[in-house]
C-alpha atoms as a PDB file:
ATOM      1  CA  MET A   1     -47.693  69.132  25.659  1.00  0.00           C
ATOM      2  CA  ILE A   2     -44.273  70.940  24.517  1.00  0.00           C
ATOM      3  CA  ASP A   3     -44.830  74.338  23.028  1.00  0.00           C
ATOM      4  CA  HIS A   4     -43.139  75.543  19.966  1.00  0.00           C
ATOM      5  CA  ASP A   5     -40.114  77.107  21.594  1.00  0.00           C
ATOM      6  CA  SER A   6     -39.761  74.293  23.915  1.00  0.00           C
ATOM      7  CA  LEU A   7     -39.461  71.802  20.772  1.00  0.00           C
ATOM      8  CA  LEU A   8     -36.841  74.039  18.682  1.00  0.00           C
ATOM      9  CA  GLU A   9     -34.733  73.595  22.107  1.00  0.00           C
ATOM     10  CA  VAL A  10     -35.322  69.689  22.376  1.00  0.00           C
ATOM     11  CA  PHE A  11     -34.284  69.253  18.771  1.00  0.00           C
ATOM     12  CA  GLU A  12     -31.187  71.755  18.964  1.00  0.00           C
ATOM     13  CA  LEU A  13     -29.927  69.600  22.023  1.00  0.00           C
ATOM     14  CA  ALA A  14     -30.780  66.130  20.824  1.00  0.00           C
ATOM     15  CA  GLU A  15     -28.644  67.338  17.710  1.00  0.00           C
ATOM     16  CA  LYS A  16     -25.744  68.125  19.982  1.00  0.00           C
ATOM     17  CA  ARG A  17     -25.830  65.044  21.875  1.00  0.00           C
ATOM     18  CA  ARG A  18     -26.103  63.121  18.682  1.00  0.00           C
ATOM     19  CA  ALA A  19     -22.825  64.922  17.360  1.00  0.00           C
ATOM     20  CA  ALA A  20     -21.222  64.219  20.838  1.00  0.00           C
ATOM     21  CA  ARG A  21     -22.014  60.205  20.478  1.00  0.00           C
ATOM     22  CA  ARG A  22     -20.678  59.995  17.105  1.00  0.00           C
ATOM     23  CA  ARG A  23     -17.312  61.536  18.333  1.00  0.00           C
ATOM     24  CA  PHE A  24     -17.228  58.763  21.252  1.00  0.00           C
ATOM     25  CA  LEU A  25     -18.025  55.805  18.651  1.00  0.00           C
ATOM     26  CA  LYS A  26     -16.050  56.650  16.125  1.00  0.00           C
ATOM     27  CA  PHE A  27     -13.078  56.114  18.401  1.00  0.00           C
ATOM     28  CA  ALA A  28     -14.259  53.542  21.119  1.00  0.00           C
ATOM     29  CA  GLY A  29     -16.749  51.414  19.089  1.00  0.00           C
ATOM     30  CA  THR A  30     -14.387  49.149  18.104  1.00  0.00           C
ATOM     31  CA  GLY A  31     -12.819  48.333  21.524  1.00  0.00           C
ATOM     32  CA  VAL A  32     -16.321  47.673  23.155  1.00  0.00           C
ATOM     33  CA  ALA A  33     -17.280  45.376  20.524  1.00  0.00           C
ATOM     34  CA  ALA A  34     -14.243  43.326  21.267  1.00  0.00           C
ATOM     35  CA  VAL A  35     -15.507  42.474  24.673  1.00  0.00           C
ATOM     36  CA  GLY A  36     -19.036  41.917  23.818  1.00  0.00           C
ATOM     37  CA  GLY A  37     -20.439  45.014  24.770  1.00  0.00           C
ATOM     38  CA  ALA A  38     -21.632  46.826  21.435  1.00  0.00           C
ATOM     39  CA  ALA A  39     -25.421  45.557  22.182  1.00  0.00           C
ATOM     40  CA  MET A  40     -25.109  47.575  25.328  1.00  0.00           C
ATOM     41  CA  LEU A  41     -24.439  50.565  23.464  1.00  0.00           C
ATOM     42  CA  SER A  42     -27.424  50.472  21.068  1.00  0.00           C
ATOM     43  CA  ALA A  43     -29.046  53.719  23.131  1.00  0.00           C
ATOM     44  CA  CYS A  44     -26.102  55.548  22.156  1.00  0.00           C
ATOM     45  CA  ASP A  45     -26.363  54.797  18.196  1.00  0.00           C
ATOM     46  CA  ASP A  46     -26.640  57.317  15.924  1.00  0.00           C
ATOM     47  CA  ASP A  47     -30.123  55.788  14.470  1.00  0.00           C
ATOM     48  CA  GLU A  48     -31.446  55.333  17.968  1.00  0.00           C
ATOM     49  CA  GLU A  49     -31.200  58.875  19.562  1.00  0.00           C
ATOM     50  CA  GLN A  50     -34.321  59.775  21.017  1.00  0.00           C
ATOM     51  CA  THR A  51     -33.262  62.374  23.422  1.00  0.00           C
ATOM     52  CA  ILE A  52     -36.485  63.981  25.269  1.00  0.00           C
ATOM     53  CA  ILE A  53     -37.678  63.795  21.677  1.00  0.00           C
ATOM     54  CA  PRO A  54     -41.401  62.857  22.421  1.00  0.00           C
ATOM     55  CA  GLY A  55     -43.021  59.973  20.378  1.00  0.00           C
ATOM     56  CA  PRO A  56     -41.847  56.535  18.816  1.00  0.00           C
ATOM     57  CA  SER A  57     -38.435  56.029  17.501  1.00  0.00           C
ATOM     58  CA  PRO A  58     -38.410  56.356  14.034  1.00  0.00           C
ATOM     59  CA  THR A  59     -36.480  53.235  13.078  1.00  0.00           C
ATOM     60  CA  PRO A  60     -36.647  49.875  14.781  1.00  0.00           C
ATOM     61  CA  THR A  61     -34.827  49.304  18.095  1.00  0.00           C
ATOM     62  CA  PRO A  62     -31.892  46.269  17.782  1.00  0.00           C
ATOM     63  CA  THR A  63     -32.810  43.112  19.924  1.00  0.00           C
ATOM     64  CA  PRO A  64     -30.910  43.643  23.268  1.00  0.00           C
ATOM     65  CA  ALA A  65     -28.276  41.442  25.238  1.00  0.00           C
ATOM     66  CA  PRO A  66     -30.181  38.910  26.839  1.00  0.00           C
ATOM     67  CA  VAL A  67     -31.002  39.760  30.541  1.00  0.00           C
ATOM     68  CA  GLY A  68     -31.416  37.254  33.198  1.00  0.00           C
ATOM     69  CA  ALA A  69     -34.285  37.192  35.732  1.00  0.00           C
ATOM     70  CA  ALA A  70     -32.203  38.528  38.617  1.00  0.00           C
ATOM     71  CA  ASP A  71     -30.223  40.991  36.458  1.00  0.00           C
ATOM     72  CA  ALA A  72     -33.917  42.295  35.237  1.00  0.00           C
ATOM     73  CA  ASP A  73     -34.957  43.072  38.694  1.00  0.00           C
ATOM     74  CA  ILE A  74     -31.856  45.097  39.237  1.00  0.00           C
ATOM     75  CA  LEU A  75     -32.291  46.897  35.975  1.00  0.00           C
ATOM     76  CA  ASN A  76     -36.235  47.706  36.787  1.00  0.00           C
ATOM     77  CA  PHE A  77     -35.407  48.940  40.149  1.00  0.00           C
ATOM     78  CA  ALA A  78     -33.035  51.423  38.452  1.00  0.00           C
ATOM     79  CA  LEU A  79     -35.485  52.263  35.992  1.00  0.00           C
ATOM     80  CA  ASN A  80     -38.082  53.271  38.609  1.00  0.00           C
ATOM     81  CA  LEU A  81     -35.297  55.891  40.094  1.00  0.00           C
ATOM     82  CA  GLU A  82     -34.665  57.013  36.195  1.00  0.00           C
ATOM     83  CA  TYR A  83     -38.138  57.452  35.706  1.00  0.00           C
ATOM     84  CA  LEU A  84     -38.384  59.682  38.724  1.00  0.00           C
ATOM     85  CA  GLU A  85     -35.079  61.756  37.833  1.00  0.00           C
ATOM     86  CA  ALA A  86     -35.676  62.217  34.463  1.00  0.00           C
ATOM     87  CA  ASN A  87     -39.075  63.700  35.265  1.00  0.00           C
ATOM     88  CA  TYR A  88     -37.484  66.158  37.645  1.00  0.00           C
ATOM     89  CA  TYR A  89     -34.958  67.427  35.251  1.00  0.00           C
ATOM     90  CA  LEU A  90     -37.220  67.224  32.474  1.00  0.00           C
ATOM     91  CA  SER A  91     -39.899  69.388  33.569  1.00  0.00           C
ATOM     92  CA  SER A  92     -37.326  72.016  35.345  1.00  0.00           C
ATOM     93  CA  ALA A  93     -35.241  72.181  32.322  1.00  0.00           C
ATOM     94  CA  LEU A  94     -38.016  72.062  29.693  1.00  0.00           C
ATOM     95  CA  GLY A  95     -41.250  72.353  31.306  1.00  0.00           C
ATOM     96  CA  THR A  96     -42.038  68.900  30.047  1.00  0.00           C
ATOM     97  CA  SER A  97     -42.206  65.353  31.191  1.00  0.00           C
ATOM     98  CA  LEU A  98     -40.905  61.761  29.538  1.00  0.00           C
ATOM     99  CA  ALA A  99     -42.332  61.100  26.071  1.00  0.00           C
ATOM    100  CA  SER A 100     -45.544  58.797  26.589  1.00  0.00           C
ATOM    101  CA  SER A 101     -43.683  56.048  24.257  1.00  0.00           C
ATOM    102  CA  LEU A 102     -41.050  55.689  27.575  1.00  0.00           C
ATOM    103  CA  THR A 103     -43.727  55.322  30.208  1.00  0.00           C
ATOM    104  CA  SER A 104     -45.579  51.902  29.120  1.00  0.00           C
ATOM    105  CA  GLY A 105     -44.772  48.583  30.792  1.00  0.00           C
ATOM    106  CA  THR A 106     -45.569  45.961  33.086  1.00  0.00           C
ATOM    107  CA  GLY A 107     -47.035  46.967  36.696  1.00  0.00           C
ATOM    108  CA  MET A 108     -49.344  49.816  37.247  1.00  0.00           C
ATOM    109  CA  GLN A 109     -48.610  52.919  35.110  1.00  0.00           C
ATOM    110  CA  GLY A 110     -48.759  56.103  36.934  1.00  0.00           C
ATOM    111  CA  ALA A 111     -49.015  59.728  36.384  1.00  0.00           C
ATOM    112  CA  VAL A 112     -46.660  62.634  37.170  1.00  0.00           C
ATOM    113  CA  THR A 113     -47.859  65.173  40.108  1.00  0.00           C
ATOM    114  CA  GLY A 114     -46.354  68.581  39.592  1.00  0.00           C
ATOM    115  CA  GLY A 115     -43.108  69.963  37.963  1.00  0.00           C
ATOM    116  CA  ARG A 116     -42.451  72.765  35.724  1.00  0.00           C
ATOM    117  CA  ARG A 117     -39.852  74.700  33.943  1.00  0.00           C
ATOM    118  CA  VAL A 118     -37.416  76.877  36.183  1.00  0.00           C
ATOM    119  CA  ASN A 119     -36.798  80.622  35.353  1.00  0.00           C
ATOM    120  CA  PHE A 120     -33.045  79.955  35.861  1.00  0.00           C
ATOM    121  CA  GLY A 121     -31.012  83.019  36.587  1.00  0.00           C
ATOM    122  CA  ASP A 122     -27.497  81.531  36.089  1.00  0.00           C
ATOM    123  CA  ASN A 123     -27.290  80.817  32.372  1.00  0.00           C
ATOM    124  CA  SER A 124     -24.642  78.263  33.264  1.00  0.00           C
ATOM    125  CA  ILE A 125     -26.751  76.377  35.693  1.00  0.00           C
ATOM    126  CA  ALA A 126     -29.800  76.490  32.824  1.00  0.00           C
ATOM    127  CA  ALA A 127     -27.160  74.548  30.699  1.00  0.00           C
ATOM    128  CA  TYR A 128     -26.129  72.072  33.238  1.00  0.00           C
ATOM    129  CA  ALA A 129     -30.258  71.210  33.593  1.00  0.00           C
ATOM    130  CA  ARG A 130     -30.836  70.488  29.844  1.00  0.00           C
ATOM    131  CA  GLU A 131     -27.684  68.443  29.791  1.00  0.00           C
ATOM    132  CA  ILE A 132     -28.849  66.453  32.623  1.00  0.00           C
ATOM    133  CA  ALA A 133     -32.264  66.005  31.692  1.00  0.00           C
ATOM    134  CA  ALA A 134     -30.853  64.679  28.199  1.00  0.00           C
ATOM    135  CA  ASP A 135     -28.668  62.089  30.179  1.00  0.00           C
ATOM    136  CA  GLU A 136     -31.982  60.893  32.050  1.00  0.00           C
ATOM    137  CA  ASN A 137     -33.872  60.722  29.358  1.00  0.00           C
ATOM    138  CA  ALA A 138     -31.365  58.565  27.574  1.00  0.00           C
ATOM    139  CA  HIS A 139     -30.758  56.181  30.624  1.00  0.00           C
ATOM    140  CA  VAL A 140     -34.823  55.658  30.535  1.00  0.00           C
ATOM    141  CA  THR A 141     -34.531  54.782  26.981  1.00  0.00           C
ATOM    142  CA  PHE A 142     -31.505  52.607  27.306  1.00  0.00           C
ATOM    143  CA  LEU A 143     -32.922  50.413  30.455  1.00  0.00           C
ATOM    144  CA  ARG A 144     -36.058  50.206  28.482  1.00  0.00           C
ATOM    145  CA  GLN A 145     -34.130  48.955  25.307  1.00  0.00           C
ATOM    146  CA  GLN A 146     -32.097  46.293  27.282  1.00  0.00           C
ATOM    147  CA  LEU A 147     -35.345  44.817  29.453  1.00  0.00           C
ATOM    148  CA  GLY A 148     -37.644  44.461  26.336  1.00  0.00           C
ATOM    149  CA  SER A 149     -41.110  43.269  27.260  1.00  0.00           C
ATOM    150  CA  ALA A 150     -39.990  42.815  30.973  1.00  0.00           C
ATOM    151  CA  ALA A 151     -39.834  46.668  31.395  1.00  0.00           C
ATOM    152  CA  ILE A 152     -42.033  48.195  34.347  1.00  0.00           C
ATOM    153  CA  ALA A 153     -44.087  51.006  33.486  1.00  0.00           C
ATOM    154  CA  GLN A 154     -43.517  54.321  34.965  1.00  0.00           C
ATOM    155  CA  PRO A 155     -45.042  54.340  38.464  1.00  0.00           C
ATOM    156  CA  ALA A 156     -46.953  57.299  39.654  1.00  0.00           C
ATOM    157  CA  ILE A 157     -44.503  60.009  40.609  1.00  0.00           C
ATOM    158  CA  ASN A 158     -44.798  62.930  43.195  1.00  0.00           C
ATOM    159  CA  ILE A 159     -42.498  65.782  42.336  1.00  0.00           C
ATOM    160  CA  ASP A 160     -44.716  68.790  43.182  1.00  0.00           C
ATOM    161  CA  GLY A 161     -43.550  71.946  45.114  1.00  0.00           C
ATOM    162  CA  GLY A 162     -47.004  72.663  46.772  1.00  0.00           C
ATOM    163  CA  ALA A 163     -47.901  71.889  50.451  1.00  0.00           C
ATOM    164  CA  ASN A 164     -48.484  68.378  49.186  1.00  0.00           C
ATOM    165  CA  GLY A 165     -45.463  67.624  47.275  1.00  0.00           C
ATOM    166  CA  ALA A 166     -42.761  65.169  48.048  1.00  0.00           C
ATOM    167  CA  PHE A 167     -40.087  67.786  48.059  1.00  0.00           C
ATOM    168  CA  THR A 168     -42.183  69.768  50.757  1.00  0.00           C
ATOM    169  CA  ALA A 169     -42.346  66.725  52.919  1.00  0.00           C
ATOM    170  CA  ALA A 170     -38.286  66.319  52.542  1.00  0.00           C
ATOM    171  CA  ALA A 171     -37.339  69.688  53.032  1.00  0.00           C
ATOM    172  CA  ARG A 172     -39.624  69.742  56.624  1.00  0.00           C
ATOM    173  CA  SER A 173     -38.468  66.577  57.736  1.00  0.00           C
ATOM    174  CA  ALA A 174     -35.035  67.577  57.303  1.00  0.00           C
ATOM    175  CA  GLY A 175     -35.654  71.132  58.688  1.00  0.00           C
ATOM    176  CA  VAL A 176     -34.971  73.173  55.577  1.00  0.00           C
ATOM    177  CA  ILE A 177     -38.245  74.703  56.105  1.00  0.00           C
ATOM    178  CA  GLY A 178     -40.849  75.105  59.219  1.00  0.00           C
ATOM    179  CA  PRO A 179     -43.731  72.646  59.442  1.00  0.00           C
ATOM    180  CA  ASN A 180     -46.159  75.028  57.648  1.00  0.00           C
ATOM    181  CA  GLU A 181     -43.951  76.057  54.801  1.00  0.00           C
ATOM    182  CA  THR A 182     -43.453  74.688  51.505  1.00  0.00           C
ATOM    183  CA  PHE A 183     -40.237  73.929  49.473  1.00  0.00           C
ATOM    184  CA  ASP A 184     -40.535  74.702  45.712  1.00  0.00           C
ATOM    185  CA  PRO A 185     -37.336  72.815  44.248  1.00  0.00           C
ATOM    186  CA  TYR A 186     -38.711  75.160  40.728  1.00  0.00           C
ATOM    187  CA  ALA A 187     -38.766  78.325  42.631  1.00  0.00           C
ATOM    188  CA  SER A 188     -35.271  79.586  42.496  1.00  0.00           C
ATOM    189  CA  ASP A 189     -31.744  77.873  40.953  1.00  0.00           C
ATOM    190  CA  GLU A 190     -30.958  77.404  44.717  1.00  0.00           C
ATOM    191  CA  ASN A 191     -33.886  75.470  45.373  1.00  0.00           C
ATOM    192  CA  TRP A 192     -33.301  73.293  41.876  1.00  0.00           C
ATOM    193  CA  LEU A 193     -29.663  72.487  43.122  1.00  0.00           C
ATOM    194  CA  LEU A 194     -30.941  71.056  46.532  1.00  0.00           C
ATOM    195  CA  GLY A 195     -33.521  69.075  44.772  1.00  0.00           C
ATOM    196  CA  GLY A 196     -31.220  67.720  42.295  1.00  0.00           C
ATOM    197  CA  MET A 197     -29.050  66.693  44.991  1.00  0.00           C
ATOM    198  CA  LEU A 198     -31.513  65.210  47.040  1.00  0.00           C
ATOM    199  CA  LEU A 199     -31.898  62.702  44.198  1.00  0.00           C
ATOM    200  CA  SER A 200     -29.027  62.537  42.311  1.00  0.00           C
ATOM    201  CA  ASP A 201     -26.898  61.535  45.435  1.00  0.00           C
ATOM    202  CA  VAL A 202     -29.408  58.633  46.165  1.00  0.00           C
ATOM    203  CA  GLY A 203     -28.931  57.299  42.565  1.00  0.00           C
ATOM    204  CA  VAL A 204     -25.210  57.063  42.674  1.00  0.00           C
ATOM    205  CA  THR A 205     -25.264  55.212  46.129  1.00  0.00           C
ATOM    206  CA  ALA A 206     -28.444  53.014  44.511  1.00  0.00           C
ATOM    207  CA  TYR A 207     -25.875  51.773  41.593  1.00  0.00           C
ATOM    208  CA  LYS A 208     -22.902  51.411  43.893  1.00  0.00           C
ATOM    209  CA  GLY A 209     -25.432  49.202  46.307  1.00  0.00           C
ATOM    210  CA  SER A 210     -26.630  46.985  43.500  1.00  0.00           C
ATOM    211  CA  ALA A 211     -23.238  46.549  41.438  1.00  0.00           C
ATOM    212  CA  ALA A 212     -21.659  43.280  43.092  1.00  0.00           C
ATOM    213  CA  ALA A 213     -25.682  41.812  42.831  1.00  0.00           C
ATOM    214  CA  ILE A 214     -25.194  41.752  38.963  1.00  0.00           C
ATOM    215  CA  ALA A 215     -24.296  38.460  37.205  1.00  0.00           C
ATOM    216  CA  SER A 216     -23.725  39.637  33.857  1.00  0.00           C
ATOM    217  CA  PRO A 217     -20.576  41.337  33.032  1.00  0.00           C
ATOM    218  CA  VAL A 218     -21.993  43.019  30.055  1.00  0.00           C
ATOM    219  CA  ILE A 219     -25.042  44.336  32.426  1.00  0.00           C
ATOM    220  CA  LEU A 220     -22.324  45.347  35.092  1.00  0.00           C
ATOM    221  CA  GLU A 221     -20.297  47.213  32.595  1.00  0.00           C
ATOM    222  CA  ALA A 222     -23.325  49.146  31.556  1.00  0.00           C
ATOM    223  CA  ALA A 223     -24.512  49.749  35.135  1.00  0.00           C
ATOM    224  CA  ALA A 224     -21.001  50.997  35.812  1.00  0.00           C
ATOM    225  CA  GLY A 225     -21.396  53.365  32.962  1.00  0.00           C
ATOM    226  CA  ILE A 226     -24.455  54.935  34.054  1.00  0.00           C
ATOM    227  CA  LEU A 227     -23.003  55.268  37.776  1.00  0.00           C
ATOM    228  CA  ALA A 228     -20.164  57.177  36.449  1.00  0.00           C
ATOM    229  CA  VAL A 229     -22.760  59.528  34.779  1.00  0.00           C
ATOM    230  CA  GLU A 230     -25.197  59.860  37.870  1.00  0.00           C
ATOM    231  CA  ALA A 231     -21.611  60.576  39.775  1.00  0.00           C
ATOM    232  CA  TYR A 232     -20.741  63.355  37.437  1.00  0.00           C
ATOM    233  CA  HIS A 233     -24.382  65.113  37.983  1.00  0.00           C
ATOM    234  CA  SER A 234     -24.094  64.405  41.723  1.00  0.00           C
ATOM    235  CA  GLY A 235     -20.629  66.148  41.997  1.00  0.00           C
ATOM    236  CA  LEU A 236     -21.840  68.913  39.689  1.00  0.00           C
ATOM    237  CA  LEU A 237     -24.760  70.002  41.782  1.00  0.00           C
ATOM    238  CA  ARG A 238     -22.956  69.463  45.021  1.00  0.00           C
ATOM    239  CA  THR A 239     -20.119  71.962  43.716  1.00  0.00           C
ATOM    240  CA  MET A 240     -22.172  74.395  42.686  1.00  0.00           C
ATOM    241  CA  ILE A 241     -23.870  74.143  45.915  1.00  0.00           C
ATOM    242  CA  TYR A 242     -20.555  74.846  47.612  1.00  0.00           C
ATOM    243  CA  ARG A 243     -19.532  77.667  45.277  1.00  0.00           C
ATOM    244  CA  LYS A 244     -22.960  79.221  45.890  1.00  0.00           C
ATOM    245  CA  GLY A 245     -23.093  78.899  49.778  1.00  0.00           C
ATOM    246  CA  LEU A 246     -19.880  80.896  50.077  1.00  0.00           C
ATOM    247  CA  ASP A 247     -22.158  83.794  49.465  1.00  0.00           C
ATOM    248  CA  LEU A 248     -25.356  82.333  50.879  1.00  0.00           C
ATOM    249  CA  PRO A 249     -24.278  79.811  53.647  1.00  0.00           C
ATOM    250  CA  VAL A 250     -27.590  78.692  54.438  1.00  0.00           C
ATOM    251  CA  LEU A 251     -27.695  76.716  51.121  1.00  0.00           C
ATOM    252  CA  ARG A 252     -24.733  74.698  52.630  1.00  0.00           C
ATOM    253  CA  THR A 253     -26.465  74.092  55.509  1.00  0.00           C
ATOM    254  CA  ASN A 254     -29.578  73.298  54.058  1.00  0.00           C
ATOM    255  CA  ALA A 255     -27.358  70.728  52.023  1.00  0.00           C
ATOM    256  CA  GLY A 256     -26.162  69.351  55.185  1.00  0.00           C
ATOM    257  CA  ARG A 257     -29.698  69.125  56.676  1.00  0.00           C
ATOM    258  CA  ILE A 258     -30.993  67.075  53.550  1.00  0.00           C
ATOM    259  CA  SER A 259     -27.807  64.826  54.096  1.00  0.00           C
ATOM    260  CA  ASP A 260     -28.536  64.416  57.810  1.00  0.00           C
ATOM    261  CA  ALA A 261     -32.677  63.623  56.845  1.00  0.00           C
ATOM    262  CA  ARG A 262     -31.325  60.962  54.383  1.00  0.00           C
ATOM    263  CA  ASP A 263     -29.167  59.336  57.016  1.00  0.00           C
ATOM    264  CA  SER A 264     -32.077  59.133  59.460  1.00  0.00           C
ATOM    265  CA  LEU A 265     -34.526  57.126  57.243  1.00  0.00           C
ATOM    266  CA  ASP A 266     -31.744  54.473  55.725  1.00  0.00           C
ATOM    267  CA  GLY A 267     -30.440  53.120  59.111  1.00  0.00           C
ATOM    268  CA  PRO A 268     -28.074  53.722  62.071  1.00  0.00           C
ATOM    269  CA  ALA A 269     -25.094  53.993  59.896  1.00  0.00           C
ATOM    270  CA  ASP A 270     -23.954  57.473  59.481  1.00  0.00           C
ATOM    271  CA  LEU A 271     -22.764  57.532  56.157  1.00  0.00           C
ATOM    272  CA  ASP A 272     -24.265  60.419  54.075  1.00  0.00           C
ATOM    273  CA  GLN A 273     -22.496  63.543  53.642  1.00  0.00           C
ATOM    274  CA  GLY A 274     -23.153  67.292  53.200  1.00  0.00           C
ATOM    275  CA  VAL A 275     -21.000  69.379  51.106  1.00  0.00           C
ATOM    276  CA  THR A 276     -18.767  70.705  53.468  1.00  0.00           C
ATOM    277  CA  GLY A 277     -16.047  68.870  56.069  1.00  0.00           C
ATOM    278  CA  ASP A 278     -14.234  69.543  58.977  1.00  0.00           C
ATOM    279  CA  ALA A 279     -13.085  73.666  59.318  1.00  0.00           C
ATOM    280  CA  ASP A 280     -15.657  74.396  56.447  1.00  0.00           C
ATOM    281  CA  THR A 281     -13.640  72.640  53.811  1.00  0.00           C
ATOM    282  CA  SER A 282     -15.317  71.523  50.622  1.00  0.00           C
ATOM    283  CA  ASN A 283     -16.617  67.720  50.239  1.00  0.00           C
ATOM    284  CA  ILE A 284     -17.997  67.514  46.739  1.00  0.00           C
ATOM    285  CA  VAL A 285     -17.342  63.674  47.057  1.00  0.00           C
ATOM    286  CA  PRO A 286     -19.151  61.593  49.714  1.00  0.00           C
ATOM    287  CA  ALA A 287     -16.581  59.257  50.149  1.00  0.00           C
ATOM    288  CA  ASP A 288     -14.778  56.869  52.778  1.00  0.00           C
ATOM    289  CA  ALA A 289     -11.322  57.221  53.927  1.00  0.00           C
ATOM    290  CA  ASN A 290     -10.515  55.187  50.876  1.00  0.00           C
ATOM    291  CA  GLY A 291     -11.880  57.583  48.714  1.00  0.00           C
ATOM    292  CA  ILE A 292     -14.765  55.039  47.673  1.00  0.00           C
ATOM    293  CA  VAL A 293     -18.425  56.192  47.671  1.00  0.00           C
ATOM    294  CA  PHE A 294     -20.724  54.038  49.861  1.00  0.00           C
ATOM    295  CA  GLY A 295     -23.531  52.036  48.556  1.00  0.00           C
ATOM    296  CA  ARG A 296     -27.325  51.664  49.602  1.00  0.00           C
ATOM    297  CA  THR A 297     -29.499  48.690  49.104  1.00  0.00           C
ATOM    298  CA  PRO A 298     -32.651  48.934  47.297  1.00  0.00           C
ATOM    299  CA  GLN A 299     -34.516  48.553  50.602  1.00  0.00           C
ATOM    300  CA  GLN A 300     -32.341  51.608  51.877  1.00  0.00           C
ATOM    301  CA  VAL A 301     -32.944  53.784  48.720  1.00  0.00           C
ATOM    302  CA  LEU A 302     -36.690  53.145  48.872  1.00  0.00           C
ATOM    303  CA  ASN A 303     -36.895  54.459  52.694  1.00  0.00           C
ATOM    304  CA  ILE A 304     -35.315  57.725  51.229  1.00  0.00           C
ATOM    305  CA  ALA A 305     -37.640  57.724  48.157  1.00  0.00           C
ATOM    306  CA  TYR A 306     -40.858  56.917  50.189  1.00  0.00           C
ATOM    307  CA  LEU A 307     -39.454  59.181  53.107  1.00  0.00           C
ATOM    308  CA  ASN A 308     -40.128  56.734  55.636  1.00  0.00           C
ATOM    309  CA  ARG A 309     -37.694  54.692  57.825  1.00  0.00           C
ATOM    310  CA  ALA A 310     -40.416  52.034  58.381  1.00  0.00           C
ATOM    311  CA  ALA A 311     -40.817  48.853  55.999  1.00  0.00           C
ATOM    312  CA  VAL A 312     -43.574  50.299  53.632  1.00  0.00           C
ATOM    313  CA  THR A 313     -44.304  49.785  50.152  1.00  0.00           C
ATOM    314  CA  GLN A 314     -45.332  53.347  49.182  1.00  0.00           C
ATOM    315  CA  GLY A 315     -44.838  56.971  49.787  1.00  0.00           C
ATOM    316  CA  GLY A 316     -43.071  60.132  49.363  1.00  0.00           C
ATOM    317  CA  PHE A 317     -42.057  60.483  45.770  1.00  0.00           C
ATOM    318  CA  PHE A 318     -43.523  57.101  44.756  1.00  0.00           C
ATOM    319  CA  PRO A 319     -47.035  57.533  46.070  1.00  0.00           C
ATOM    320  CA  ALA A 320     -48.410  54.492  44.749  1.00  0.00           C
ATOM    321  CA  GLY A 321     -45.104  52.529  45.256  1.00  0.00           C
ATOM    322  CA  VAL A 322     -42.538  51.492  42.620  1.00  0.00           C
ATOM    323  CA  ASN A 323     -43.189  48.947  40.024  1.00  0.00           C
ATOM    324  CA  GLY A 324     -41.154  45.155  39.950  1.00  0.00           C
ATOM    325  CA  ASN A 325     -40.317  42.775  42.169  1.00  0.00           C
ATOM    326  CA  VAL A 326     -38.370  45.337  44.696  1.00  0.00           C
ATOM    327  CA  ARG A 327     -41.061  47.195  46.238  1.00  0.00           C
ATOM    328  CA  SER A 328     -40.660  47.260  49.828  1.00  0.00           C
ATOM    329  CA  SER A 329     -38.166  49.756  52.273  1.00  0.00           C
ATOM    330  CA  ALA A 330     -36.598  48.496  54.944  1.00  0.00           C
ATOM    331  CA  ALA A 331     -37.362  48.552  58.745  1.00  0.00           C
ATOM    332  CA  ASN A 332     -34.687  51.043  60.279  1.00  0.00           C
ATOM    333  CA  GLY A 333     -36.872  52.291  63.157  1.00  0.00           C
END
């Protein structure tokens, strides 16, 4: 339940996001329509804005562009990840979760375990958290609109910071904390940044890895747009970790440990990267020699989400598994 102050904050943030989208559409709308992509921007329409506001949309949702079965599988897989990210950022920024109107669909609908508002010490990080929360909420809304009746329900999600939480399990396996300690991503600015990096980096590689499998150029264009936003989020979080790590070196060390842990889960290739390079240089973008970010298959993404290098169908951040036709991780060890 959102308290009065949080609700006022939600409406203020939503209005700011609406104004930004009005400016974008004023200058870009004609060009997008010319290439047949106007339908894919329906989630940005002034009348359709639903950013973090609970309850049903006050106006009818326009008919989305047709989505083929294979592309629907990809979008639904992405929707699982967006459910996870949206709930993490909404809870930490505003102390709430996704509106119930955004959680129904096909498959087993689940509840969110854990999550609470962070008492941020740095006002700029608090502002970043609110902005990211608005973007992730919009991604859920957008993907659900495009999928229509084929959209999956929100699966059970674990974003708890206690002893039985997925963040604690991830931090223990990475060596960020000891075997009997807990990792609470809502306890401090620094912990929140590490929790966000853990999730957002994976989101970037998930969209990159799925791009080649998308058949529709309209869907591909939309996915590329979401990938760009996820990359902005990831880059911002990694930048803040590096900057704060100048005074708190263990923060950068722990970011590297999280990177190594993800690498150990998703296969033998050494692809993941922390926020520092050789000679303690910054490494904000985890790219190859050509400056290109690597991608992960859906199965590799699930290895990290399930916190398991084996072929399994549940665990970690998704204790009952994800919804949709892509459900199993890969056998990597």
